[in-house]
N, C-alpha and C. Protein backbone atom coordinates (compact mmCIF):
# COMPACT_ATOMS: atom_id res chain seq x y z
N MET A 1 0.85 -1.17 0.00
CA MET A 1 0.00 0.00 0.01
C MET A 1 0.88 1.23 -0.02
N PRO A 2 0.75 2.12 -0.98
CA PRO A 2 1.59 3.34 -0.99
C PRO A 2 1.20 4.30 0.11
N LYS A 3 2.14 5.20 0.41
CA LYS A 3 1.84 6.21 1.41
C LYS A 3 0.83 7.22 0.89
N MET A 4 0.02 7.76 1.78
CA MET A 4 -0.92 8.80 1.41
C MET A 4 -0.17 10.13 1.40
N LYS A 5 -0.54 11.03 0.49
CA LYS A 5 0.13 12.33 0.38
C LYS A 5 -0.62 13.36 1.23
N THR A 6 0.14 14.22 1.89
CA THR A 6 -0.43 15.33 2.64
C THR A 6 -0.66 16.49 1.69
N HIS A 7 -1.83 17.11 1.83
CA HIS A 7 -2.13 18.27 1.01
C HIS A 7 -1.37 19.45 1.60
N LYS A 8 -0.39 19.97 0.84
CA LYS A 8 0.55 20.98 1.38
C LYS A 8 -0.15 22.29 1.70
N GLY A 9 -1.18 22.65 0.94
CA GLY A 9 -1.93 23.90 1.23
C GLY A 9 -2.69 23.76 2.56
N ALA A 10 -3.22 22.58 2.86
CA ALA A 10 -3.90 22.36 4.13
C ALA A 10 -2.90 22.30 5.27
N SER A 11 -1.73 21.74 5.06
CA SER A 11 -0.75 21.62 6.14
C SER A 11 -0.24 23.02 6.59
N LYS A 12 -0.28 23.99 5.69
CA LYS A 12 0.15 25.35 6.03
C LYS A 12 -0.98 26.12 6.76
N ARG A 13 -2.22 25.72 6.51
CA ARG A 13 -3.38 26.47 7.07
C ARG A 13 -3.91 25.93 8.37
N PHE A 14 -3.69 24.61 8.65
CA PHE A 14 -4.28 23.96 9.80
C PHE A 14 -3.25 23.39 10.67
N LYS A 15 -3.43 23.46 11.98
CA LYS A 15 -2.51 22.88 12.95
C LYS A 15 -3.32 21.94 13.85
N LEU A 16 -2.61 20.87 14.29
CA LEU A 16 -3.24 19.89 15.15
C LEU A 16 -2.67 20.11 16.57
N THR A 17 -3.58 20.21 17.57
CA THR A 17 -3.14 20.41 18.95
C THR A 17 -2.70 19.02 19.50
N GLY A 18 -2.16 19.08 20.72
CA GLY A 18 -1.71 17.84 21.38
C GLY A 18 -2.87 16.90 21.67
N THR A 19 -4.07 17.46 21.89
CA THR A 19 -5.23 16.65 22.19
C THR A 19 -5.94 16.18 20.90
N GLY A 20 -5.45 16.61 19.72
CA GLY A 20 -6.01 16.12 18.47
C GLY A 20 -7.04 17.06 17.85
N LYS A 21 -7.16 18.28 18.42
CA LYS A 21 -8.15 19.22 17.89
C LYS A 21 -7.50 19.97 16.72
N LEU A 22 -8.31 20.20 15.68
CA LEU A 22 -7.85 20.95 14.51
C LEU A 22 -8.08 22.46 14.70
N MET A 23 -7.07 23.25 14.48
CA MET A 23 -7.16 24.71 14.67
C MET A 23 -6.79 25.40 13.36
N HIS A 24 -7.32 26.61 13.14
CA HIS A 24 -6.98 27.41 11.97
C HIS A 24 -6.97 28.87 12.33
N GLN A 25 -6.30 29.65 11.51
CA GLN A 25 -6.18 31.08 11.75
C GLN A 25 -7.40 31.75 11.07
N GLN A 26 -7.99 32.72 11.79
CA GLN A 26 -9.14 33.42 11.23
C GLN A 26 -8.71 34.49 10.22
N GLY A 27 -9.57 34.75 9.27
CA GLY A 27 -9.26 35.75 8.23
C GLY A 27 -9.50 37.14 8.69
N ARG A 28 -9.55 38.08 7.75
CA ARG A 28 -9.78 39.48 7.96
C ARG A 28 -8.74 40.16 8.86
N ARG A 29 -7.48 39.72 8.77
CA ARG A 29 -6.45 40.24 9.68
C ARG A 29 -5.45 41.16 8.98
N GLY A 30 -5.29 40.98 7.65
CA GLY A 30 -4.17 41.64 7.04
C GLY A 30 -4.43 42.98 6.38
N HIS A 31 -5.69 43.38 6.26
CA HIS A 31 -6.02 44.56 5.47
C HIS A 31 -6.78 45.54 6.37
N PHE A 32 -6.41 46.81 6.37
CA PHE A 32 -7.04 47.87 7.13
C PHE A 32 -6.99 47.55 8.65
N ARG A 33 -5.85 47.16 9.08
CA ARG A 33 -5.69 46.80 10.53
C ARG A 33 -5.73 48.07 11.40
N ARG A 34 -5.38 49.20 10.88
CA ARG A 34 -5.30 50.42 11.70
C ARG A 34 -6.72 50.85 12.13
N ARG A 35 -7.69 50.63 11.30
CA ARG A 35 -9.02 51.13 11.64
C ARG A 35 -9.86 50.11 12.40
N LYS A 36 -9.34 48.95 12.61
CA LYS A 36 -10.05 47.95 13.43
C LYS A 36 -9.73 48.16 14.90
N ALA A 37 -10.64 47.81 15.77
CA ALA A 37 -10.49 47.97 17.17
C ALA A 37 -9.38 47.02 17.68
N THR A 38 -8.63 47.46 18.70
CA THR A 38 -7.55 46.65 19.24
C THR A 38 -8.07 45.35 19.79
N ARG A 39 -9.20 45.38 20.44
CA ARG A 39 -9.77 44.15 20.99
C ARG A 39 -10.11 43.16 19.86
N LEU A 40 -10.65 43.65 18.76
CA LEU A 40 -10.96 42.80 17.61
C LEU A 40 -9.71 42.18 17.04
N LEU A 41 -8.61 42.95 16.95
CA LEU A 41 -7.40 42.42 16.38
C LEU A 41 -6.81 41.39 17.27
N GLN A 42 -6.94 41.54 18.59
CA GLN A 42 -6.42 40.50 19.49
C GLN A 42 -7.23 39.23 19.36
N GLN A 43 -8.50 39.35 19.11
CA GLN A 43 -9.33 38.16 18.93
C GLN A 43 -8.98 37.43 17.58
N LEU A 44 -8.71 38.24 16.56
CA LEU A 44 -8.39 37.67 15.26
C LEU A 44 -7.05 37.01 15.21
N ASP A 45 -6.16 37.39 16.10
CA ASP A 45 -4.82 36.83 16.11
C ASP A 45 -4.73 35.41 16.71
N LYS A 46 -5.78 35.01 17.41
CA LYS A 46 -5.82 33.68 18.06
C LYS A 46 -6.25 32.61 17.07
N LEU A 47 -5.80 31.39 17.34
CA LEU A 47 -6.23 30.24 16.55
C LEU A 47 -7.65 29.89 16.97
N LYS A 48 -8.44 29.48 15.98
CA LYS A 48 -9.84 29.09 16.20
C LYS A 48 -9.97 27.59 15.85
N PRO A 49 -10.87 26.90 16.54
CA PRO A 49 -11.10 25.49 16.15
C PRO A 49 -11.84 25.38 14.86
N VAL A 50 -11.54 24.36 14.12
CA VAL A 50 -12.20 24.11 12.82
C VAL A 50 -13.64 23.64 13.10
N ASP A 51 -14.57 24.12 12.28
CA ASP A 51 -15.97 23.74 12.45
C ASP A 51 -16.15 22.25 12.22
N LYS A 52 -17.09 21.63 12.92
CA LYS A 52 -17.23 20.17 12.82
C LYS A 52 -17.72 19.75 11.43
N THR A 53 -18.34 20.68 10.66
CA THR A 53 -18.82 20.31 9.34
C THR A 53 -17.67 20.23 8.35
N GLU A 54 -16.55 20.88 8.64
CA GLU A 54 -15.41 20.85 7.74
C GLU A 54 -14.29 19.99 8.22
N GLU A 55 -14.42 19.43 9.43
CA GLU A 55 -13.33 18.69 10.05
C GLU A 55 -12.96 17.43 9.26
N ARG A 56 -14.01 16.73 8.75
CA ARG A 56 -13.76 15.50 8.01
C ARG A 56 -12.92 15.75 6.75
N MET A 57 -13.22 16.84 6.05
CA MET A 57 -12.51 17.18 4.85
C MET A 57 -11.03 17.55 5.16
N VAL A 58 -10.83 18.28 6.25
CA VAL A 58 -9.47 18.67 6.61
C VAL A 58 -8.66 17.43 7.05
N ARG A 59 -9.28 16.53 7.79
CA ARG A 59 -8.56 15.35 8.22
C ARG A 59 -8.16 14.44 7.07
N GLN A 60 -8.93 14.42 6.01
CA GLN A 60 -8.57 13.67 4.83
C GLN A 60 -7.36 14.32 4.12
N ALA A 61 -7.28 15.63 4.16
CA ALA A 61 -6.18 16.35 3.56
C ALA A 61 -4.87 16.16 4.37
N LEU A 62 -5.03 15.92 5.66
CA LEU A 62 -3.86 15.71 6.56
C LEU A 62 -3.90 14.31 7.13
N PRO A 63 -3.54 13.31 6.39
CA PRO A 63 -3.73 11.97 6.87
C PRO A 63 -2.84 11.55 8.01
N TYR A 64 -1.72 12.27 8.20
CA TYR A 64 -0.78 11.87 9.26
C TYR A 64 -0.75 12.94 10.37
N GLY A 65 -1.79 13.70 10.50
CA GLY A 65 -1.84 14.70 11.58
C GLY A 65 -0.97 15.79 11.27
């Protein structure tokens, strides 16, 4: 059985925590940052968990975690 390939675009966008939870970076961070509230920017800089409806698709793209 050949090895499964990791989707390189997905490996750059999603991280797996130690407990096995999939995390991703939220968008809307790079453009017009000066006019956004500081509190909003702090919230956007944190990693967010992947939605359960998309988790199966992401796990297929990252077969080895």
